[in-house]
Amino acid sequence: MALRFGADVSTAQTDYGTVLLDERSGQYWELNPTGTLVVRTLMAGGDEAAAADALVAEFDIDRARAEQDVAALVRDLRSTGLAV
């Protein structure tokens, strides 16, 4: 399922990944390069499987680990209210 950030979430690219700012609470999160790749894939309309494929291709990690990492990130983004 595609991912999108809430209206109150700002993003900025850095040399180290992506920073997310929740303008409602003032809290921010920094995504490392793997998290950034997952978010980019999902925001471009890809599903979690496509994001796991992108991780495996880019970072040469185990498929099962990639799937776990994608699921954990999506769960965290949704539970904090950053993503819908």
N, C-alpha and C. Protein backbone atom coordinates (compact mmCIF):
# COMPACT_ATOMS: atom_id res chain seq x y z
N MET A 1 0.84 -1.18 0.00
CA MET A 1 0.00 0.00 0.00
C MET A 1 0.89 1.24 0.00
N ALA A 2 0.51 2.19 -0.80
CA ALA A 2 1.27 3.44 -0.86
C ALA A 2 1.20 4.16 0.47
N LEU A 3 2.15 5.00 0.69
CA LEU A 3 2.26 5.73 1.96
C LEU A 3 2.24 7.22 1.65
N ARG A 4 1.65 7.97 2.55
CA ARG A 4 1.75 9.42 2.45
C ARG A 4 1.81 9.99 3.85
N PHE A 5 2.46 11.12 3.97
CA PHE A 5 2.58 11.77 5.26
C PHE A 5 1.37 12.65 5.50
N GLY A 6 1.04 12.85 6.76
CA GLY A 6 -0.05 13.74 7.12
C GLY A 6 0.26 15.18 6.72
N ALA A 7 -0.75 16.00 6.70
CA ALA A 7 -0.60 17.40 6.30
C ALA A 7 0.31 18.18 7.23
N ASP A 8 0.45 17.74 8.47
CA ASP A 8 1.27 18.44 9.45
C ASP A 8 2.69 17.89 9.56
N VAL A 9 3.11 17.13 8.55
CA VAL A 9 4.46 16.55 8.57
C VAL A 9 5.29 17.18 7.46
N SER A 10 6.42 17.74 7.86
CA SER A 10 7.37 18.31 6.89
C SER A 10 8.54 17.36 6.76
N THR A 11 9.12 17.32 5.56
CA THR A 11 10.29 16.47 5.33
C THR A 11 11.42 17.31 4.76
N ALA A 12 12.63 16.87 5.05
CA ALA A 12 13.82 17.51 4.50
C ALA A 12 14.87 16.44 4.26
N GLN A 13 15.50 16.51 3.11
CA GLN A 13 16.59 15.59 2.79
C GLN A 13 17.88 16.12 3.39
N THR A 14 18.69 15.23 3.94
CA THR A 14 19.99 15.60 4.49
C THR A 14 21.05 14.71 3.86
N ASP A 15 22.28 14.94 4.21
CA ASP A 15 23.36 14.08 3.73
C ASP A 15 23.27 12.68 4.31
N TYR A 16 22.49 12.52 5.38
CA TYR A 16 22.42 11.25 6.09
C TYR A 16 21.09 10.55 5.96
N GLY A 17 20.15 11.12 5.23
CA GLY A 17 18.84 10.50 5.07
C GLY A 17 17.75 11.55 4.96
N THR A 18 16.68 11.36 5.71
CA THR A 18 15.53 12.25 5.67
C THR A 18 15.11 12.61 7.09
N VAL A 19 14.79 13.87 7.30
CA VAL A 19 14.29 14.31 8.59
C VAL A 19 12.79 14.56 8.43
N LEU A 20 12.02 14.05 9.40
CA LEU A 20 10.57 14.25 9.43
C LEU A 20 10.25 15.11 10.64
N LEU A 21 9.46 16.14 10.45
CA LEU A 21 9.05 17.02 11.53
C LEU A 21 7.54 16.97 11.68
N ASP A 22 7.08 16.58 12.86
CA ASP A 22 5.66 16.62 13.18
C ASP A 22 5.36 18.01 13.71
N GLU A 23 4.75 18.84 12.90
CA GLU A 23 4.51 20.23 13.26
C GLU A 23 3.50 20.37 14.39
N ARG A 24 2.70 19.35 14.65
CA ARG A 24 1.73 19.39 15.75
C ARG A 24 2.44 19.32 17.09
N SER A 25 3.44 18.44 17.18
CA SER A 25 4.10 18.21 18.47
C SER A 25 5.49 18.83 18.56
N GLY A 26 6.07 19.17 17.41
CA GLY A 26 7.43 19.68 17.40
C GLY A 26 8.48 18.58 17.44
N GLN A 27 8.05 17.33 17.45
CA GLN A 27 9.00 16.21 17.45
C GLN A 27 9.50 15.96 16.04
N TYR A 28 10.74 15.47 15.98
CA TYR A 28 11.27 15.11 14.67
C TYR A 28 11.96 13.76 14.73
N TRP A 29 12.04 13.15 13.57
CA TRP A 29 12.67 11.85 13.41
C TRP A 29 13.64 11.95 12.26
N GLU A 30 14.72 11.18 12.36
CA GLU A 30 15.68 11.12 11.26
C GLU A 30 15.71 9.71 10.72
N LEU A 31 15.43 9.58 9.43
CA LEU A 31 15.50 8.29 8.77
C LEU A 31 16.89 8.13 8.16
N ASN A 32 17.49 6.98 8.38
CA ASN A 32 18.78 6.69 7.78
C ASN A 32 18.57 6.38 6.29
N PRO A 33 19.63 6.10 5.54
CA PRO A 33 19.46 5.85 4.10
C PRO A 33 18.51 4.69 3.78
N THR A 34 18.48 3.64 4.61
CA THR A 34 17.57 2.55 4.32
C THR A 34 16.12 2.99 4.54
N GLY A 35 15.87 3.71 5.62
CA GLY A 35 14.53 4.22 5.86
C GLY A 35 14.08 5.18 4.78
N THR A 36 15.00 6.00 4.33
CA THR A 36 14.70 6.95 3.25
C THR A 36 14.31 6.21 1.98
N LEU A 37 15.03 5.13 1.65
CA LEU A 37 14.70 4.35 0.46
C LEU A 37 13.32 3.72 0.58
N VAL A 38 13.01 3.20 1.74
CA VAL A 38 11.69 2.60 1.97
C VAL A 38 10.60 3.65 1.78
N VAL A 39 10.76 4.79 2.41
CA VAL A 39 9.75 5.84 2.32
C VAL A 39 9.60 6.33 0.89
N ARG A 40 10.69 6.53 0.19
CA ARG A 40 10.61 6.99 -1.21
C ARG A 40 9.85 5.98 -2.07
N THR A 41 10.14 4.71 -1.87
CA THR A 41 9.47 3.67 -2.65
C THR A 41 7.97 3.66 -2.37
N LEU A 42 7.61 3.74 -1.10
CA LEU A 42 6.20 3.70 -0.73
C LEU A 42 5.47 4.97 -1.18
N MET A 43 6.11 6.11 -1.08
CA MET A 43 5.46 7.36 -1.48
C MET A 43 5.32 7.46 -3.00
N ALA A 44 6.14 6.71 -3.72
CA ALA A 44 6.03 6.69 -5.18
C ALA A 44 4.96 5.72 -5.65
N GLY A 45 4.26 5.10 -4.70
CA GLY A 45 3.17 4.20 -5.06
C GLY A 45 3.49 2.73 -4.91
N GLY A 46 4.72 2.43 -4.54
CA GLY A 46 5.10 1.03 -4.36
C GLY A 46 4.50 0.47 -3.09
N ASP A 47 4.43 -0.86 -3.03
CA ASP A 47 3.93 -1.50 -1.82
C ASP A 47 5.11 -1.96 -0.96
N GLU A 48 4.82 -2.61 0.14
CA GLU A 48 5.88 -3.05 1.04
C GLU A 48 6.81 -4.06 0.39
N ALA A 49 6.29 -4.89 -0.49
CA ALA A 49 7.14 -5.85 -1.20
C ALA A 49 8.14 -5.12 -2.10
N ALA A 50 7.69 -4.08 -2.77
CA ALA A 50 8.58 -3.29 -3.63
C ALA A 50 9.65 -2.60 -2.80
N ALA A 51 9.27 -2.12 -1.61
CA ALA A 51 10.25 -1.47 -0.74
C ALA A 51 11.29 -2.49 -0.26
N ALA A 52 10.85 -3.70 0.07
CA ALA A 52 11.80 -4.75 0.46
C ALA A 52 12.71 -5.10 -0.71
N ASP A 53 12.16 -5.18 -1.91
CA ASP A 53 12.98 -5.44 -3.11
C ASP A 53 14.05 -4.37 -3.27
N ALA A 54 13.67 -3.11 -3.06
CA ALA A 54 14.61 -2.00 -3.20
C ALA A 54 15.74 -2.11 -2.18
N LEU A 55 15.39 -2.50 -0.95
CA LEU A 55 16.43 -2.66 0.08
C LEU A 55 17.39 -3.77 -0.28
N VAL A 56 16.87 -4.90 -0.72
CA VAL A 56 17.71 -6.04 -1.09
C VAL A 56 18.66 -5.66 -2.22
N ALA A 57 18.14 -4.94 -3.22
CA ALA A 57 18.96 -4.55 -4.36
C ALA A 57 20.02 -3.52 -4.00
N GLU A 58 19.64 -2.55 -3.18
CA GLU A 58 20.55 -1.45 -2.87
C GLU A 58 21.57 -1.79 -1.78
N PHE A 59 21.14 -2.55 -0.78
CA PHE A 59 21.99 -2.77 0.38
C PHE A 59 22.44 -4.21 0.55
N ASP A 60 22.05 -5.09 -0.37
CA ASP A 60 22.48 -6.49 -0.34
C ASP A 60 22.22 -7.12 1.02
N ILE A 61 20.97 -7.00 1.48
CA ILE A 61 20.59 -7.64 2.74
C ILE A 61 19.63 -8.79 2.45
N ASP A 62 19.46 -9.63 3.44
CA ASP A 62 18.57 -10.78 3.36
C ASP A 62 17.13 -10.34 3.15
N ARG A 63 16.40 -11.04 2.31
CA ARG A 63 15.02 -10.68 1.98
C ARG A 63 14.14 -10.67 3.24
N ALA A 64 14.27 -11.66 4.09
CA ALA A 64 13.45 -11.71 5.30
C ALA A 64 13.72 -10.51 6.19
N ARG A 65 14.98 -10.13 6.31
CA ARG A 65 15.33 -8.96 7.12
C ARG A 65 14.76 -7.69 6.51
N ALA A 66 14.82 -7.57 5.18
CA ALA A 66 14.28 -6.41 4.50
C ALA A 66 12.77 -6.30 4.75
N GLU A 67 12.06 -7.40 4.67
CA GLU A 67 10.62 -7.39 4.90
C GLU A 67 10.31 -6.97 6.34
N GLN A 68 11.08 -7.47 7.30
CA GLN A 68 10.88 -7.10 8.70
C GLN A 68 11.13 -5.61 8.91
N ASP A 69 12.21 -5.11 8.31
CA ASP A 69 12.55 -3.69 8.47
C ASP A 69 11.48 -2.79 7.87
N VAL A 70 10.98 -3.14 6.69
CA VAL A 70 9.93 -2.35 6.05
C VAL A 70 8.68 -2.35 6.91
N ALA A 71 8.26 -3.52 7.35
CA ALA A 71 7.04 -3.62 8.17
C ALA A 71 7.18 -2.81 9.46
N ALA A 72 8.35 -2.88 10.09
CA ALA A 72 8.57 -2.14 11.34
C ALA A 72 8.52 -0.64 11.11
N LEU A 73 9.15 -0.16 10.03
CA LEU A 73 9.14 1.27 9.75
C LEU A 73 7.72 1.76 9.45
N VAL A 74 7.00 1.04 8.63
CA VAL A 74 5.63 1.44 8.29
C VAL A 74 4.77 1.44 9.56
N ARG A 75 4.91 0.43 10.38
CA ARG A 75 4.15 0.37 11.63
C ARG A 75 4.46 1.57 12.52
N ASP A 76 5.75 1.91 12.64
CA ASP A 76 6.15 3.05 13.46
C ASP A 76 5.62 4.37 12.91
N LEU A 77 5.71 4.55 11.61
CA LEU A 77 5.23 5.79 10.99
C LEU A 77 3.73 5.95 11.18
N ARG A 78 3.01 4.87 11.05
CA ARG A 78 1.55 4.93 11.22
C ARG A 78 1.17 5.13 12.70
N SER A 79 1.86 4.42 13.60
CA SER A 79 1.49 4.51 15.02
C SER A 79 1.78 5.88 15.61
N THR A 80 2.77 6.58 15.07
CA THR A 80 3.06 7.92 15.55
C THR A 80 2.17 8.98 14.89
N GLY A 81 1.40 8.56 13.91
CA GLY A 81 0.52 9.50 13.22
C GLY A 81 1.21 10.29 12.13
N LEU A 82 2.46 9.94 11.83
CA LEU A 82 3.17 10.65 10.77
C LEU A 82 2.66 10.27 9.39
N ALA A 83 2.30 9.02 9.23
CA ALA A 83 1.89 8.53 7.90
C ALA A 83 0.49 7.95 7.95
N VAL A 84 -0.15 8.04 6.82
CA VAL A 84 -1.49 7.45 6.65
C VAL A 84 -1.48 6.53 5.44
